[in-house]
Amino acid sequence: AEAEAARLLRTGGAPVAVTARPGEPREADDLLMVGAPVDELEAPLERVADAFPDAGIVVVTGDPTGEGRVQRAADAVAAAHRDGLRVVGAFHLPAVDGYEWHRGFDARLGLFDRDRNPKDGLGALP
């Protein structure tokens, strides 16, 4: 389904974001998505950098456990960028605390609380 969606989107003339999978065909201007939990983010970024050295990368990450997850994610993406990876976007999922099936409304996974107030970790970002 992802390959078919990418094929259809490519007719629009804008870059298409597809999952980075070494060995699979892609268009030269595709944006490659790398998704991983914060604590494991460095390894997937290194693999993609080795397999696609000139690609534009969109990072999607999240980490439901531990303090400092925002800073860890920012540090990993910044380090990859300094090492030459062309990072064109980074997203933390979820952005806002909300409802999680297994935790209800007590899930505190976002960068912002349910009232859209930024959490403390955001103040530490450069």
PDB file of N, CA and C in Angstrom:
ATOM      1  N   ALA A   1       0.824  -1.187   0.000  1.00  0.00           N
ATOM      2  CA  ALA A   1       0.000   0.000   0.000  1.00  0.00           C
ATOM      3  C   ALA A   1       0.868   1.250   0.000  1.00  0.00           C
ATOM      4  N   GLU A   2       1.969   1.213   0.780  1.00  0.00           N
ATOM      5  CA  GLU A   2       2.833   2.398   0.803  1.00  0.00           C
ATOM      6  C   GLU A   2       3.456   2.656  -0.561  1.00  0.00           C
ATOM      7  N   ALA A   3       3.895   1.594  -1.241  1.00  0.00           N
ATOM      8  CA  ALA A   3       4.503   1.755  -2.563  1.00  0.00           C
ATOM      9  C   ALA A   3       3.497   2.312  -3.563  1.00  0.00           C
ATOM     10  N   GLU A   4       2.264   1.836  -3.504  1.00  0.00           N
ATOM     11  CA  GLU A   4       1.230   2.346  -4.414  1.00  0.00           C
ATOM     12  C   GLU A   4       0.905   3.801  -4.105  1.00  0.00           C
ATOM     13  N   ALA A   5       0.825   4.155  -2.831  1.00  0.00           N
ATOM     14  CA  ALA A   5       0.568   5.548  -2.463  1.00  0.00           C
ATOM     15  C   ALA A   5       1.702   6.442  -2.940  1.00  0.00           C
ATOM     16  N   ALA A   6       2.941   5.995  -2.769  1.00  0.00           N
ATOM     17  CA  ALA A   6       4.086   6.781  -3.229  1.00  0.00           C
ATOM     18  C   ALA A   6       4.046   6.960  -4.735  1.00  0.00           C
ATOM     19  N   ARG A   7       3.691   5.899  -5.461  1.00  0.00           N
ATOM     20  CA  ARG A   7       3.604   6.000  -6.922  1.00  0.00           C
ATOM     21  C   ARG A   7       2.586   7.056  -7.327  1.00  0.00           C
ATOM     22  N   LEU A   8       1.442   7.051  -6.693  1.00  0.00           N
ATOM     23  CA  LEU A   8       0.403   8.027  -7.021  1.00  0.00           C
ATOM     24  C   LEU A   8       0.817   9.444  -6.617  1.00  0.00           C
ATOM     25  N   LEU A   9       1.449   9.590  -5.460  1.00  0.00           N
ATOM     26  CA  LEU A   9       1.867  10.916  -5.008  1.00  0.00           C
ATOM     27  C   LEU A   9       2.961  11.506  -5.884  1.00  0.00           C
ATOM     28  N   ARG A  10       3.802  10.667  -6.454  1.00  0.00           N
ATOM     29  CA  ARG A  10       4.893  11.166  -7.300  1.00  0.00           C
ATOM     30  C   ARG A  10       4.381  11.898  -8.539  1.00  0.00           C
ATOM     31  N   THR A  11       3.157  11.669  -8.923  1.00  0.00           N
ATOM     32  CA  THR A  11       2.617  12.371 -10.088  1.00  0.00           C
ATOM     33  C   THR A  11       2.338  13.837  -9.774  1.00  0.00           C
ATOM     34  N   GLY A  12       2.409  14.235  -8.506  1.00  0.00           N
ATOM     35  CA  GLY A  12       2.146  15.607  -8.105  1.00  0.00           C
ATOM     36  C   GLY A  12       3.347  16.527  -8.217  1.00  0.00           C
ATOM     37  N   GLY A  13       4.539  16.000  -8.432  1.00  0.00           N
ATOM     38  CA  GLY A  13       5.713  16.830  -8.634  1.00  0.00           C
ATOM     39  C   GLY A  13       6.462  17.217  -7.367  1.00  0.00           C
ATOM     40  N   ALA A  14       5.939  16.932  -6.191  1.00  0.00           N
ATOM     41  CA  ALA A  14       6.633  17.250  -4.936  1.00  0.00           C
ATOM     42  C   ALA A  14       7.318  15.997  -4.409  1.00  0.00           C
ATOM     43  N   PRO A  15       8.364  16.162  -3.575  1.00  0.00           N
ATOM     44  CA  PRO A  15       9.004  14.979  -2.990  1.00  0.00           C
ATOM     45  C   PRO A  15       8.002  14.164  -2.176  1.00  0.00           C
ATOM     46  N   VAL A  16       8.219  12.868  -2.141  1.00  0.00           N
ATOM     47  CA  VAL A  16       7.343  11.949  -1.425  1.00  0.00           C
ATOM     48  C   VAL A  16       8.139  11.328  -0.283  1.00  0.00           C
ATOM     49  N   ALA A  17       7.523  11.238   0.891  1.00  0.00           N
ATOM     50  CA  ALA A  17       8.176  10.605   2.034  1.00  0.00           C
ATOM     51  C   ALA A  17       7.839   9.121   2.045  1.00  0.00           C
ATOM     52  N   VAL A  18       8.848   8.286   2.046  1.00  0.00           N
ATOM     53  CA  VAL A  18       8.676   6.841   2.085  1.00  0.00           C
ATOM     54  C   VAL A  18       9.587   6.271   3.172  1.00  0.00           C
ATOM     55  N   THR A  19       9.229   5.112   3.694  1.00  0.00           N
ATOM     56  CA  THR A  19      10.042   4.462   4.714  1.00  0.00           C
ATOM     57  C   THR A  19      11.387   4.067   4.130  1.00  0.00           C
ATOM     58  N   ALA A  20      12.449   4.365   4.855  1.00  0.00           N
ATOM     59  CA  ALA A  20      13.801   4.039   4.406  1.00  0.00           C
ATOM     60  C   ALA A  20      14.029   2.545   4.558  1.00  0.00           C
ATOM     61  N   ARG A  21      14.116   1.851   3.444  1.00  0.00           N
ATOM     62  CA  ARG A  21      14.388   0.414   3.443  1.00  0.00           C
ATOM     63  C   ARG A  21      15.500   0.143   2.439  1.00  0.00           C
ATOM     64  N   PRO A  22      16.717  -0.096   2.936  1.00  0.00           N
ATOM     65  CA  PRO A  22      17.820  -0.380   2.024  1.00  0.00           C
ATOM     66  C   PRO A  22      17.481  -1.533   1.089  1.00  0.00           C
ATOM     67  N   GLY A  23      17.837  -1.369  -0.173  1.00  0.00           N
ATOM     68  CA  GLY A  23      17.587  -2.390  -1.172  1.00  0.00           C
ATOM     69  C   GLY A  23      16.295  -2.215  -1.942  1.00  0.00           C
ATOM     70  N   GLU A  24      15.378  -1.383  -1.457  1.00  0.00           N
ATOM     71  CA  GLU A  24      14.134  -1.147  -2.175  1.00  0.00           C
ATOM     72  C   GLU A  24      14.294   0.041  -3.109  1.00  0.00           C
ATOM     73  N   PRO A  25      13.668  -0.010  -4.266  1.00  0.00           N
ATOM     74  CA  PRO A  25      13.797   1.109  -5.204  1.00  0.00           C
ATOM     75  C   PRO A  25      13.145   2.370  -4.649  1.00  0.00           C
ATOM     76  N   ARG A  26      13.711   3.509  -5.037  1.00  0.00           N
ATOM     77  CA  ARG A  26      13.162   4.799  -4.638  1.00  0.00           C
ATOM     78  C   ARG A  26      13.510   5.812  -5.717  1.00  0.00           C
ATOM     79  N   GLU A  27      12.804   6.917  -5.692  1.00  0.00           N
ATOM     80  CA  GLU A  27      13.104   8.015  -6.605  1.00  0.00           C
ATOM     81  C   GLU A  27      14.203   8.877  -5.994  1.00  0.00           C
ATOM     82  N   ALA A  28      14.967   9.577  -6.826  1.00  0.00           N
ATOM     83  CA  ALA A  28      16.100  10.364  -6.343  1.00  0.00           C
ATOM     84  C   ALA A  28      15.682  11.457  -5.363  1.00  0.00           C
ATOM     85  N   ASP A  29      14.491  12.040  -5.548  1.00  0.00           N
ATOM     86  CA  ASP A  29      14.089  13.143  -4.668  1.00  0.00           C
ATOM     87  C   ASP A  29      13.170  12.707  -3.527  1.00  0.00           C
ATOM     88  N   ASP A  30      12.997  11.392  -3.323  1.00  0.00           N
ATOM     89  CA  ASP A  30      12.192  10.916  -2.197  1.00  0.00           C
ATOM     90  C   ASP A  30      12.798  11.376  -0.875  1.00  0.00           C
ATOM     91  N   LEU A  31      11.937  11.702   0.068  1.00  0.00           N
ATOM     92  CA  LEU A  31      12.355  11.925   1.442  1.00  0.00           C
ATOM     93  C   LEU A  31      12.184  10.606   2.169  1.00  0.00           C
ATOM     94  N   LEU A  32      13.210  10.167   2.867  1.00  0.00           N
ATOM     95  CA  LEU A  32      13.165   8.880   3.546  1.00  0.00           C
ATOM     96  C   LEU A  32      12.794   9.079   5.003  1.00  0.00           C
ATOM     97  N   MET A  33      11.810   8.319   5.460  1.00  0.00           N
ATOM     98  CA  MET A  33      11.386   8.393   6.860  1.00  0.00           C
ATOM     99  C   MET A  33      12.130   7.349   7.672  1.00  0.00           C
ATOM    100  N   VAL A  34      12.656   7.798   8.804  1.00  0.00           N
ATOM    101  CA  VAL A  34      13.311   6.913   9.758  1.00  0.00           C
ATOM    102  C   VAL A  34      12.532   7.031  11.049  1.00  0.00           C
ATOM    103  N   GLY A  35      11.970   5.936  11.518  1.00  0.00           N
ATOM    104  CA  GLY A  35      11.199   5.945  12.752  1.00  0.00           C
ATOM    105  C   GLY A  35      11.782   4.977  13.758  1.00  0.00           C
ATOM    106  N   ALA A  36      11.956   5.457  14.989  1.00  0.00           N
ATOM    107  CA  ALA A  36      12.493   4.604  16.050  1.00  0.00           C
ATOM    108  C   ALA A  36      12.260   5.262  17.392  1.00  0.00           C
ATOM    109  N   PRO A  37      12.206   4.462  18.463  1.00  0.00           N
ATOM    110  CA  PRO A  37      12.161   5.059  19.799  1.00  0.00           C
ATOM    111  C   PRO A  37      13.428   5.873  20.054  1.00  0.00           C
ATOM    112  N   VAL A  38      13.351   6.852  20.929  1.00  0.00           N
ATOM    113  CA  VAL A  38      14.480   7.735  21.199  1.00  0.00           C
ATOM    114  C   VAL A  38      15.731   6.955  21.563  1.00  0.00           C
ATOM    115  N   ASP A  39      15.612   5.964  22.457  1.00  0.00           N
ATOM    116  CA  ASP A  39      16.796   5.246  22.930  1.00  0.00           C
ATOM    117  C   ASP A  39      17.456   4.405  21.854  1.00  0.00           C
ATOM    118  N   GLU A  40      16.799   4.172  20.740  1.00  0.00           N
ATOM    119  CA  GLU A  40      17.366   3.352  19.656  1.00  0.00           C
ATOM    120  C   GLU A  40      17.576   4.159  18.387  1.00  0.00           C
ATOM    121  N   LEU A  41      17.436   5.466  18.455  1.00  0.00           N
ATOM    122  CA  LEU A  41      17.420   6.287  17.244  1.00  0.00           C
ATOM    123  C   LEU A  41      18.759   6.347  16.519  1.00  0.00           C
ATOM    124  N   GLU A  42      19.866   6.334  17.242  1.00  0.00           N
ATOM    125  CA  GLU A  42      21.170   6.486  16.597  1.00  0.00           C
ATOM    126  C   GLU A  42      21.456   5.377  15.588  1.00  0.00           C
ATOM    127  N   ALA A  43      21.158   4.137  15.939  1.00  0.00           N
ATOM    128  CA  ALA A  43      21.467   3.002  15.055  1.00  0.00           C
ATOM    129  C   ALA A  43      20.708   3.075  13.728  1.00  0.00           C
ATOM    130  N   PRO A  44      19.380   3.309  13.713  1.00  0.00           N
ATOM    131  CA  PRO A  44      18.702   3.427  12.425  1.00  0.00           C
ATOM    132  C   PRO A  44      19.201   4.609  11.593  1.00  0.00           C
ATOM    133  N   LEU A  45      19.528   5.717  12.241  1.00  0.00           N
ATOM    134  CA  LEU A  45      20.053   6.859  11.486  1.00  0.00           C
ATOM    135  C   LEU A  45      21.395   6.524  10.839  1.00  0.00           C
ATOM    136  N   GLU A  46      22.247   5.796  11.554  1.00  0.00           N
ATOM    137  CA  GLU A  46      23.528   5.390  10.989  1.00  0.00           C
ATOM    138  C   GLU A  46      23.340   4.450   9.799  1.00  0.00           C
ATOM    139  N   ARG A  47      22.398   3.480   9.930  1.00  0.00           N
ATOM    140  CA  ARG A  47      22.151   2.547   8.818  1.00  0.00           C
ATOM    141  C   ARG A  47      21.654   3.281   7.579  1.00  0.00           C
ATOM    142  N   VAL A  48      20.752   4.232   7.766  1.00  0.00           N
ATOM    143  CA  VAL A  48      20.214   4.979   6.625  1.00  0.00           C
ATOM    144  C   VAL A  48      21.289   5.871   6.014  1.00  0.00           C
ATOM    145  N   ALA A  49      22.126   6.477   6.854  1.00  0.00           N
ATOM    146  CA  ALA A  49      23.208   7.317   6.343  1.00  0.00           C
ATOM    147  C   ALA A  49      24.170   6.493   5.486  1.00  0.00           C
ATOM    148  N   ASP A  50      24.449   5.264   5.896  1.00  0.00           N
ATOM    149  CA  ASP A  50      25.338   4.399   5.120  1.00  0.00           C
ATOM    150  C   ASP A  50      24.686   3.960   3.814  1.00  0.00           C
ATOM    151  N   ALA A  51      23.397   3.626   3.852  1.00  0.00           N
ATOM    152  CA  ALA A  51      22.708   3.106   2.668  1.00  0.00           C
ATOM    153  C   ALA A  51      22.308   4.208   1.681  1.00  0.00           C
ATOM    154  N   PHE A  52      21.977   5.394   2.198  1.00  0.00           N
ATOM    155  CA  PHE A  52      21.492   6.492   1.350  1.00  0.00           C
ATOM    156  C   PHE A  52      22.212   7.789   1.730  1.00  0.00           C
ATOM    157  N   PRO A  53      23.486   7.932   1.397  1.00  0.00           N
ATOM    158  CA  PRO A  53      24.264   9.074   1.882  1.00  0.00           C
ATOM    159  C   PRO A  53      23.761  10.439   1.424  1.00  0.00           C
ATOM    160  N   ASP A  54      23.072  10.530   0.313  1.00  0.00           N
ATOM    161  CA  ASP A  54      22.642  11.831  -0.204  1.00  0.00           C
ATOM    162  C   ASP A  54      21.154  12.096  -0.030  1.00  0.00           C
ATOM    163  N   ALA A  55      20.447  11.212   0.633  1.00  0.00           N
ATOM    164  CA  ALA A  55      18.996  11.339   0.742  1.00  0.00           C
ATOM    165  C   ALA A  55      18.592  12.373   1.777  1.00  0.00           C
ATOM    166  N   GLY A  56      17.435  12.986   1.564  1.00  0.00           N
ATOM    167  CA  GLY A  56      16.820  13.827   2.579  1.00  0.00           C
ATOM    168  C   GLY A  56      16.089  12.928   3.559  1.00  0.00           C
ATOM    169  N   ILE A  57      16.262  13.161   4.833  1.00  0.00           N
ATOM    170  CA  ILE A  57      15.729  12.287   5.872  1.00  0.00           C
ATOM    171  C   ILE A  57      14.694  13.030   6.702  1.00  0.00           C
ATOM    172  N   VAL A  58      13.574  12.359   6.968  1.00  0.00           N
ATOM    173  CA  VAL A  58      12.575  12.843   7.908  1.00  0.00           C
ATOM    174  C   VAL A  58      12.577  11.862   9.073  1.00  0.00           C
ATOM    175  N   VAL A  59      12.829  12.364  10.272  1.00  0.00           N
ATOM    176  CA  VAL A  59      12.922  11.524  11.460  1.00  0.00           C
ATOM    177  C   VAL A  59      11.598  11.573  12.215  1.00  0.00           C
ATOM    178  N   VAL A  60      11.072  10.402  12.560  1.00  0.00           N
ATOM    179  CA  VAL A  60       9.866  10.305  13.378  1.00  0.00           C
ATOM    180  C   VAL A  60      10.230   9.478  14.597  1.00  0.00           C
ATOM    181  N   THR A  61      10.082  10.060  15.775  1.00  0.00           N
ATOM    182  CA  THR A  61      10.498   9.358  16.981  1.00  0.00           C
ATOM    183  C   THR A  61       9.509   9.574  18.108  1.00  0.00           C
ATOM    184  N   GLY A  62       9.650   8.809  19.111  1.00  0.00           N
ATOM    185  CA  GLY A  62       8.838   8.933  20.303  1.00  0.00           C
ATOM    186  C   GLY A  62       9.392   8.016  21.356  1.00  0.00           C
ATOM    187  N   ASP A  63       9.096   8.315  22.600  1.00  0.00           N
ATOM    188  CA  ASP A  63       9.590   7.484  23.680  1.00  0.00           C
ATOM    189  C   ASP A  63       8.647   7.624  24.858  1.00  0.00           C
ATOM    190  N   PRO A  64       7.868   6.594  25.156  1.00  0.00           N
ATOM    191  CA  PRO A  64       6.894   6.706  26.231  1.00  0.00           C
ATOM    192  C   PRO A  64       7.480   6.559  27.625  1.00  0.00           C
ATOM    193  N   THR A  65       8.776   6.340  27.747  1.00  0.00           N
ATOM    194  CA  THR A  65       9.335   6.108  29.071  1.00  0.00           C
ATOM    195  C   THR A  65      10.456   7.087  29.369  1.00  0.00           C
ATOM    196  N   GLY A  66      10.612   7.404  30.621  1.00  0.00           N
ATOM    197  CA  GLY A  66      11.770   8.151  31.079  1.00  0.00           C
ATOM    198  C   GLY A  66      11.705   9.646  30.858  1.00  0.00           C
ATOM    199  N   GLU A  67      12.438  10.348  31.697  1.00  0.00           N
ATOM    200  CA  GLU A  67      12.573  11.791  31.572  1.00  0.00           C
ATOM    201  C   GLU A  67      13.667  12.103  30.558  1.00  0.00           C
ATOM    202  N   GLY A  68      13.628  13.287  30.030  1.00  0.00           N
ATOM    203  CA  GLY A  68      14.662  13.722  29.105  1.00  0.00           C
ATOM    204  C   GLY A  68      14.501  13.216  27.694  1.00  0.00           C
ATOM    205  N   ARG A  69      13.341  12.636  27.347  1.00  0.00           N
ATOM    206  CA  ARG A  69      13.189  12.050  26.013  1.00  0.00           C
ATOM    207  C   ARG A  69      13.246  13.101  24.927  1.00  0.00           C
ATOM    208  N   VAL A  70      12.761  14.309  25.205  1.00  0.00           N
ATOM    209  CA  VAL A  70      12.802  15.371  24.199  1.00  0.00           C
ATOM    210  C   VAL A  70      14.246  15.743  23.897  1.00  0.00           C
ATOM    211  N   GLN A  71      15.037  15.916  24.933  1.00  0.00           N
ATOM    212  CA  GLN A  71      16.439  16.282  24.746  1.00  0.00           C
ATOM    213  C   GLN A  71      17.214  15.163  24.062  1.00  0.00           C
ATOM    214  N   ARG A  72      16.950  13.902  24.440  1.00  0.00           N
ATOM    215  CA  ARG A  72      17.638  12.769  23.800  1.00  0.00           C
ATOM    216  C   ARG A  72      17.335  12.723  22.309  1.00  0.00           C
ATOM    217  N   ALA A  73      16.089  12.944  21.942  1.00  0.00           N
ATOM    218  CA  ALA A  73      15.721  12.939  20.532  1.00  0.00           C
ATOM    219  C   ALA A  73      16.403  14.076  19.787  1.00  0.00           C
ATOM    220  N   ALA A  74      16.373  15.268  20.368  1.00  0.00           N
ATOM    221  CA  ALA A  74      17.014  16.425  19.727  1.00  0.00           C
ATOM    222  C   ALA A  74      18.508  16.200  19.569  1.00  0.00           C
ATOM    223  N   ASP A  75      19.150  15.633  20.587  1.00  0.00           N
ATOM    224  CA  ASP A  75      20.588  15.369  20.526  1.00  0.00           C
ATOM    225  C   ASP A  75      20.923  14.363  19.431  1.00  0.00           C
ATOM    226  N   ALA A  76      20.126  13.297  19.315  1.00  0.00           N
ATOM    227  CA  ALA A  76      20.390  12.271  18.299  1.00  0.00           C
ATOM    228  C   ALA A  76      20.241  12.835  16.893  1.00  0.00           C
ATOM    229  N   VAL A  77      19.210  13.621  16.672  1.00  0.00           N
ATOM    230  CA  VAL A  77      18.989  14.205  15.345  1.00  0.00           C
ATOM    231  C   VAL A  77      20.092  15.226  15.030  1.00  0.00           C
ATOM    232  N   ALA A  78      20.447  16.061  16.008  1.00  0.00           N
ATOM    233  CA  ALA A  78      21.502  17.053  15.797  1.00  0.00           C
ATOM    234  C   ALA A  78      22.841  16.381  15.495  1.00  0.00           C
ATOM    235  N   ALA A  79      23.140  15.291  16.189  1.00  0.00           N
ATOM    236  CA  ALA A  79      24.396  14.576  15.952  1.00  0.00           C
ATOM    237  C   ALA A  79      24.428  13.980  14.544  1.00  0.00           C
ATOM    238  N   ALA A  80      23.319  13.402  14.120  1.00  0.00           N
ATOM    239  CA  ALA A  80      23.252  12.847  12.762  1.00  0.00           C
ATOM    240  C   ALA A  80      23.443  13.947  11.725  1.00  0.00           C
ATOM    241  N   HIS A  81      22.836  15.101  11.972  1.00  0.00           N
ATOM    242  CA  HIS A  81      22.977  16.226  11.047  1.00  0.00           C
ATOM    243  C   HIS A  81      24.435  16.705  10.998  1.00  0.00           C
ATOM    244  N   ARG A  82      25.077  16.825  12.160  1.00  0.00           N
ATOM    245  CA  ARG A  82      26.492  17.226  12.200  1.00  0.00           C
ATOM    246  C   ARG A  82      27.375  16.230  11.466  1.00  0.00           C
ATOM    247  N   ASP A  83      26.994  14.938  11.509  1.00  0.00           N
ATOM    248  CA  ASP A  83      27.776  13.900  10.838  1.00  0.00           C
ATOM    249  C   ASP A  83      27.513  13.830   9.343  1.00  0.00           C
ATOM    250  N   GLY A  84      26.676  14.737   8.823  1.00  0.00           N
ATOM    251  CA  GLY A  84      26.480  14.815   7.387  1.00  0.00           C
ATOM    252  C   GLY A  84      25.156  14.296   6.871  1.00  0.00           C
ATOM    253  N   LEU A  85      24.308  13.762   7.733  1.00  0.00           N
ATOM    254  CA  LEU A  85      23.002  13.282   7.288  1.00  0.00           C
ATOM    255  C   LEU A  85      22.110  14.492   7.006  1.00  0.00           C
ATOM    256  N   ARG A  86      21.472  14.507   5.852  1.00  0.00           N
ATOM    257  CA  ARG A  86      20.646  15.649   5.452  1.00  0.00           C
ATOM    258  C   ARG A  86      19.256  15.498   6.066  1.00  0.00           C
ATOM    259  N   VAL A  87      19.114  15.942   7.314  1.00  0.00           N
ATOM    260  CA  VAL A  87      17.848  15.871   8.031  1.00  0.00           C
ATOM    261  C   VAL A  87      17.010  17.077   7.613  1.00  0.00           C
ATOM    262  N   VAL A  88      15.834  16.815   7.044  1.00  0.00           N
ATOM    263  CA  VAL A  88      14.972  17.905   6.578  1.00  0.00           C
ATOM    264  C   VAL A  88      13.742  18.080   7.452  1.00  0.00           C
ATOM    265  N   GLY A  89      13.559  17.214   8.431  1.00  0.00           N
ATOM    266  CA  GLY A  89      12.431  17.339   9.338  1.00  0.00           C
ATOM    267  C   GLY A  89      12.530  16.319  10.446  1.00  0.00           C
ATOM    268  N   ALA A  90      11.968  16.662  11.608  1.00  0.00           N
ATOM    269  CA  ALA A  90      11.958  15.743  12.741  1.00  0.00           C
ATOM    270  C   ALA A  90      10.647  15.927  13.492  1.00  0.00           C
ATOM    271  N   PHE A  91      10.022  14.823  13.832  1.00  0.00           N
ATOM    272  CA  PHE A  91       8.734  14.841  14.512  1.00  0.00           C
ATOM    273  C   PHE A  91       8.782  13.920  15.718  1.00  0.00           C
ATOM    274  N   HIS A  92       8.200  14.354  16.803  1.00  0.00           N
ATOM    275  CA  HIS A  92       8.088  13.525  17.999  1.00  0.00           C
ATOM    276  C   HIS A  92       6.622  13.125  18.137  1.00  0.00           C
ATOM    277  N   LEU A  93       6.372  11.832  18.251  1.00  0.00           N
ATOM    278  CA  LEU A  93       4.998  11.357  18.365  1.00  0.00           C
ATOM    279  C   LEU A  93       4.731  10.845  19.759  1.00  0.00           C
ATOM    280  N   PRO A  94       3.652  11.196  20.356  1.00  0.00           N
ATOM    281  CA  PRO A  94       2.699  12.199  19.888  1.00  0.00           C
ATOM    282  C   PRO A  94       3.161  13.594  20.299  1.00  0.00           C
ATOM    283  N   ALA A  95       2.669  14.613  19.631  1.00  0.00           N
ATOM    284  CA  ALA A  95       3.020  15.985  19.973  1.00  0.00           C
ATOM    285  C   ALA A  95       2.293  16.430  21.236  1.00  0.00           C
ATOM    286  N   VAL A  96       1.060  15.980  21.398  1.00  0.00           N
ATOM    287  CA  VAL A  96       0.216  16.432  22.505  1.00  0.00           C
ATOM    288  C   VAL A  96      -0.275  15.214  23.290  1.00  0.00           C
ATOM    289  N   ASP A  97      -0.254  15.322  24.622  1.00  0.00           N
ATOM    290  CA  ASP A  97      -0.833  14.263  25.457  1.00  0.00           C
ATOM    291  C   ASP A  97      -2.275  14.034  25.043  1.00  0.00           C
ATOM    292  N   GLY A  98      -2.679  12.815  25.021  1.00  0.00           N
ATOM    293  CA  GLY A  98      -4.052  12.515  24.642  1.00  0.00           C
ATOM    294  C   GLY A  98      -4.494  11.204  25.226  1.00  0.00           C
ATOM    295  N   TYR A  99      -5.302  10.511  24.504  1.00  0.00           N
ATOM    296  CA  TYR A  99      -5.857   9.245  24.946  1.00  0.00           C
ATOM    297  C   TYR A  99      -5.061   8.104  24.338  1.00  0.00           C
ATOM    298  N   GLU A 100      -4.675   7.148  25.155  1.00  0.00           N
ATOM    299  CA  GLU A 100      -4.012   5.933  24.703  1.00  0.00           C
ATOM    300  C   GLU A 100      -4.873   4.761  25.137  1.00  0.00           C
ATOM    301  N   TRP A 101      -5.119   3.807  24.250  1.00  0.00           N
ATOM    302  CA  TRP A 101      -6.013   2.688  24.548  1.00  0.00           C
ATOM    303  C   TRP A 101      -5.631   1.954  25.825  1.00  0.00           C
ATOM    304  N   HIS A 102      -4.351   1.704  26.018  1.00  0.00           N
ATOM    305  CA  HIS A 102      -3.929   0.914  27.170  1.00  0.00           C
ATOM    306  C   HIS A 102      -3.676   1.745  28.426  1.00  0.00           C
ATOM    307  N   ARG A 103      -3.684   3.096  28.337  1.00  0.00           N
ATOM    308  CA  ARG A 103      -3.440   3.950  29.490  1.00  0.00           C
ATOM    309  C   ARG A 103      -4.557   4.970  29.737  1.00  0.00           C
ATOM    310  N   GLY A 104      -5.483   5.075  28.827  1.00  0.00           N
ATOM    311  CA  GLY A 104      -6.547   6.066  28.970  1.00  0.00           C
ATOM    312  C   GLY A 104      -5.995   7.481  28.875  1.00  0.00           C
ATOM    313  N   PHE A 105      -6.569   8.386  29.653  1.00  0.00           N
ATOM    314  CA  PHE A 105      -6.141   9.784  29.623  1.00  0.00           C
ATOM    315  C   PHE A 105      -4.943  10.061  30.522  1.00  0.00           C
ATOM    316  N   ASP A 106      -4.424   9.034  31.180  1.00  0.00           N
ATOM    317  CA  ASP A 106      -3.256   9.220  32.038  1.00  0.00           C
ATOM    318  C   ASP A 106      -1.938   9.163  31.267  1.00  0.00           C
ATOM    319  N   ALA A 107      -1.977   8.880  29.991  1.00  0.00           N
ATOM    320  CA  ALA A 107      -0.755   8.814  29.189  1.00  0.00           C
ATOM    321  C   ALA A 107      -0.150  10.208  29.068  1.00  0.00           C
ATOM    322  N   ARG A 108       1.118  10.311  29.374  1.00  0.00           N
ATOM    323  CA  ARG A 108       1.825  11.594  29.295  1.00  0.00           C
ATOM    324  C   ARG A 108       2.996  11.429  28.333  1.00  0.00           C
ATOM    325  N   LEU A 109       2.703  11.252  27.062  1.00  0.00           N
ATOM    326  CA  LEU A 109       3.723  10.927  26.075  1.00  0.00           C
ATOM    327  C   LEU A 109       4.111  12.097  25.190  1.00  0.00           C
ATOM    328  N   GLY A 110       3.319  13.154  25.170  1.00  0.00           N
ATOM    329  CA  GLY A 110       3.530  14.237  24.221  1.00  0.00           C
ATOM    330  C   GLY A 110       4.547  15.274  24.660  1.00  0.00           C
ATOM    331  N   LEU A 111       4.839  16.187  23.752  1.00  0.00           N
ATOM    332  CA  LEU A 111       5.701  17.323  24.035  1.00  0.00           C
ATOM    333  C   LEU A 111       4.930  18.426  24.752  1.00  0.00           C
ATOM    334  N   PHE A 112       3.593  18.395  24.599  1.00  0.00           N
ATOM    335  CA  PHE A 112       2.714  19.375  25.215  1.00  0.00           C
ATOM    336  C   PHE A 112       1.646  18.634  26.010  1.00  0.00           C
ATOM    337  N   ASP A 113       1.150  19.256  27.087  1.00  0.00           N
ATOM    338  CA  ASP A 113       0.071  18.619  27.831  1.00  0.00           C
ATOM    339  C   ASP A 113      -1.255  18.817  27.088  1.00  0.00           C
ATOM    340  N   ARG A 114      -2.336  18.267  27.625  1.00  0.00           N
ATOM    341  CA  ARG A 114      -3.624  18.342  26.919  1.00  0.00           C
ATOM    342  C   ARG A 114      -4.142  19.765  26.772  1.00  0.00           C
ATOM    343  N   ASP A 115      -3.657  20.679  27.616  1.00  0.00           N
ATOM    344  CA  ASP A 115      -4.051  22.084  27.499  1.00  0.00           C
ATOM    345  C   ASP A 115      -3.117  22.858  26.580  1.00  0.00           C
ATOM    346  N   ARG A 116      -2.238  22.136  25.889  1.00  0.00           N
ATOM    347  CA  ARG A 116      -1.291  22.674  24.918  1.00  0.00           C
ATOM    348  C   ARG A 116      -0.189  23.515  25.550  1.00  0.00           C
ATOM    349  N   ASN A 117       0.113  23.258  26.824  1.00  0.00           N
ATOM    350  CA  ASN A 117       1.224  23.919  27.497  1.00  0.00           C
ATOM    351  C   ASN A 117       2.486  23.113  27.243  1.00  0.00           C
ATOM    352  N   PRO A 118       3.599  23.759  26.874  1.00  0.00           N
ATOM    353  CA  PRO A 118       4.837  23.005  26.639  1.00  0.00           C
ATOM    354  C   PRO A 118       5.357  22.385  27.928  1.00  0.00           C
ATOM    355  N   LYS A 119       5.901  21.185  27.783  1.00  0.00           N
ATOM    356  CA  LYS A 119       6.490  20.511  28.939  1.00  0.00           C
ATOM    357  C   LYS A 119       7.897  21.045  29.190  1.00  0.00           C
ATOM    358  N   ASP A 120       8.407  20.794  30.382  1.00  0.00           N
ATOM    359  CA  ASP A 120       9.708  21.336  30.792  1.00  0.00           C
ATOM    360  C   ASP A 120      10.830  20.988  29.828  1.00  0.00           C
ATOM    361  N   GLY A 121      10.822  19.801  29.270  1.00  0.00           N
ATOM    362  CA  GLY A 121      11.895  19.376  28.386  1.00  0.00           C
ATOM    363  C   GLY A 121      12.057  20.235  27.158  1.00  0.00           C
ATOM    364  N   LEU A 122      11.016  20.889  26.711  1.00  0.00           N
ATOM    365  CA  LEU A 122      11.111  21.723  25.528  1.00  0.00           C
ATOM    366  C   LEU A 122      11.974  22.949  25.764  1.00  0.00           C
ATOM    367  N   GLY A 123      12.045  23.422  26.979  1.00  0.00           N
ATOM    368  CA  GLY A 123      12.866  24.591  27.283  1.00  0.00           C
ATOM    369  C   GLY A 123      14.342  24.324  27.152  1.00  0.00           C
ATOM    370  N   ALA A 124      14.761  23.068  27.180  1.00  0.00           N
ATOM    371  CA  ALA A 124      16.171  22.725  27.106  1.00  0.00           C
ATOM    372  C   ALA A 124      16.681  22.630  25.678  1.00  0.00           C
ATOM    373  N   LEU A 125      15.782  22.675  24.706  1.00  0.00           N
ATOM    374  CA  LEU A 125      16.214  22.537  23.315  1.00  0.00           C
ATOM    375  C   LEU A 125      16.927  23.785  22.833  1.00  0.00           C
ATOM    376  N   PRO A 126      17.922  23.615  21.956  1.00  0.00           N
ATOM    377  CA  PRO A 126      18.655  24.780  21.425  1.00  0.00           C
ATOM    378  C   PRO A 126      17.766  25.617  20.516  1.00  0.00           C
TER     379      PRO A 126
END
